[in-house]
Amino acid sequence: MSDGQDLSTTELVRGMAQAAGVPVWALQAGASLLGKGDAVQRLCGNLQVDMSKARSLLGWVPPVSVEEGLRRAIAV
């Protein structure tokens, strides 16, 4: 069942922090004090890789699409 609003993990964690009245920076600071800063960064931060520099400098083009790569990985 869905409410029609899909959330990424980052959006969910940020929404939970907001609902609790805790700024995300405070959540990250507290996690750092507890030695869990990296985990919170992975949950709250953007993990998208920017490969534009590699493409422009090296002329690199992925050999297969994400979809094809996933199909190949599952077929193994």
C-alpha atoms as a PDB file:
ATOM      1  CA  MET A   1       0.000   0.000   0.000  1.00  0.00           C
ATOM      2  CA  SER A   2       1.254   3.487  -0.761  1.00  0.00           C
ATOM      3  CA  ASP A   3       0.156   6.991   0.068  1.00  0.00           C
ATOM      4  CA  GLY A   4       1.373   8.126  -3.347  1.00  0.00           C
ATOM      5  CA  GLN A   5       4.427   9.964  -2.031  1.00  0.00           C
ATOM      6  CA  ASP A   6       7.638   8.031  -2.593  1.00  0.00           C
ATOM      7  CA  LEU A   7      10.509   9.034  -0.317  1.00  0.00           C
ATOM      8  CA  SER A   8      14.198   8.360  -0.589  1.00  0.00           C
ATOM      9  CA  THR A   9      15.998   7.295   2.581  1.00  0.00           C
ATOM     10  CA  THR A  10      17.497  10.789   2.789  1.00  0.00           C
ATOM     11  CA  GLU A  11      14.061  12.419   2.535  1.00  0.00           C
ATOM     12  CA  LEU A  12      12.703  10.046   5.198  1.00  0.00           C
ATOM     13  CA  VAL A  13      15.506  10.770   7.687  1.00  0.00           C
ATOM     14  CA  ARG A  14      15.312  14.516   7.062  1.00  0.00           C
ATOM     15  CA  GLY A  15      11.514  14.401   7.490  1.00  0.00           C
ATOM     16  CA  MET A  16      11.827  12.473  10.749  1.00  0.00           C
ATOM     17  CA  ALA A  17      14.351  15.005  12.077  1.00  0.00           C
ATOM     18  CA  GLN A  18      12.059  17.867  11.102  1.00  0.00           C
ATOM     19  CA  ALA A  19       9.037  16.189  12.706  1.00  0.00           C
ATOM     20  CA  ALA A  20      11.054  15.752  15.909  1.00  0.00           C
ATOM     21  CA  GLY A  21      12.062  19.411  15.800  1.00  0.00           C
ATOM     22  CA  VAL A  22      15.739  18.536  15.416  1.00  0.00           C
ATOM     23  CA  PRO A  23      17.756  20.362  12.770  1.00  0.00           C
ATOM     24  CA  VAL A  24      19.697  17.988  10.518  1.00  0.00           C
ATOM     25  CA  TRP A  25      22.971  19.698  11.477  1.00  0.00           C
ATOM     26  CA  ALA A  26      22.263  18.837  15.147  1.00  0.00           C
ATOM     27  CA  LEU A  27      21.561  15.235  14.211  1.00  0.00           C
ATOM     28  CA  GLN A  28      24.860  15.103  12.319  1.00  0.00           C
ATOM     29  CA  ALA A  29      26.769  16.778  15.179  1.00  0.00           C
ATOM     30  CA  GLY A  30      25.323  14.388  17.753  1.00  0.00           C
ATOM     31  CA  ALA A  31      26.123  11.408  15.577  1.00  0.00           C
ATOM     32  CA  SER A  32      29.709  12.643  15.169  1.00  0.00           C
ATOM     33  CA  LEU A  33      30.090  12.849  18.935  1.00  0.00           C
ATOM     34  CA  LEU A  34      28.937   9.240  19.173  1.00  0.00           C
ATOM     35  CA  GLY A  35      31.302   8.114  16.424  1.00  0.00           C
ATOM     36  CA  LYS A  36      28.437   7.613  13.965  1.00  0.00           C
ATOM     37  CA  GLY A  37      28.961  10.702  11.815  1.00  0.00           C
ATOM     38  CA  ASP A  38      29.715   8.695   8.669  1.00  0.00           C
ATOM     39  CA  ALA A  39      26.493   6.705   9.006  1.00  0.00           C
ATOM     40  CA  VAL A  40      24.360   9.832   9.376  1.00  0.00           C
ATOM     41  CA  GLN A  41      26.179  11.473   6.467  1.00  0.00           C
ATOM     42  CA  ARG A  42      25.286   8.470   4.302  1.00  0.00           C
ATOM     43  CA  LEU A  43      21.648   8.763   5.392  1.00  0.00           C
ATOM     44  CA  CYS A  44      21.338  12.553   5.115  1.00  0.00           C
ATOM     45  CA  GLY A  45      23.759  13.419   2.356  1.00  0.00           C
ATOM     46  CA  ASN A  46      23.735  13.130  -1.389  1.00  0.00           C
ATOM     47  CA  LEU A  47      25.616  10.031  -2.512  1.00  0.00           C
ATOM     48  CA  GLN A  48      25.200  10.598  -6.224  1.00  0.00           C
ATOM     49  CA  VAL A  49      28.461  10.313  -8.138  1.00  0.00           C
ATOM     50  CA  ASP A  50      29.270  13.130 -10.559  1.00  0.00           C
ATOM     51  CA  MET A  51      31.179  11.596 -13.441  1.00  0.00           C
ATOM     52  CA  SER A  52      31.071  14.620 -15.740  1.00  0.00           C
ATOM     53  CA  LYS A  53      34.787  15.342 -15.246  1.00  0.00           C
ATOM     54  CA  ALA A  54      35.755  11.767 -16.165  1.00  0.00           C
ATOM     55  CA  ARG A  55      33.528  11.931 -19.216  1.00  0.00           C
ATOM     56  CA  SER A  56      34.984  15.232 -20.400  1.00  0.00           C
ATOM     57  CA  LEU A  57      38.656  14.540 -19.613  1.00  0.00           C
ATOM     58  CA  LEU A  58      38.769  10.896 -20.610  1.00  0.00           C
ATOM     59  CA  GLY A  59      35.926  10.714 -23.095  1.00  0.00           C
ATOM     60  CA  TRP A  60      34.626   7.823 -21.015  1.00  0.00           C
ATOM     61  CA  VAL A  61      31.216   6.385 -21.788  1.00  0.00           C
ATOM     62  CA  PRO A  62      29.700   3.569 -19.724  1.00  0.00           C
ATOM     63  CA  PRO A  63      29.837   0.316 -21.708  1.00  0.00           C
ATOM     64  CA  VAL A  64      26.300  -0.667 -20.639  1.00  0.00           C
ATOM     65  CA  SER A  65      23.280   1.092 -19.129  1.00  0.00           C
ATOM     66  CA  VAL A  66      22.386   0.725 -15.467  1.00  0.00           C
ATOM     67  CA  GLU A  67      19.432  -1.442 -16.439  1.00  0.00           C
ATOM     68  CA  GLU A  68      21.605  -3.756 -18.547  1.00  0.00           C
ATOM     69  CA  GLY A  69      24.239  -3.942 -15.805  1.00  0.00           C
ATOM     70  CA  LEU A  70      21.588  -4.969 -13.276  1.00  0.00           C
ATOM     71  CA  ARG A  71      20.213  -7.605 -15.641  1.00  0.00           C
ATOM     72  CA  ARG A  72      23.705  -9.013 -16.120  1.00  0.00           C
ATOM     73  CA  ALA A  73      24.416  -9.000 -12.394  1.00  0.00           C
ATOM     74  CA  ILE A  74      21.226 -10.882 -11.595  1.00  0.00           C
ATOM     75  CA  ALA A  75      21.780 -13.389 -14.402  1.00  0.00           C
ATOM     76  CA  VAL A  76      25.054 -14.568 -12.811  1.00  0.00           C
END
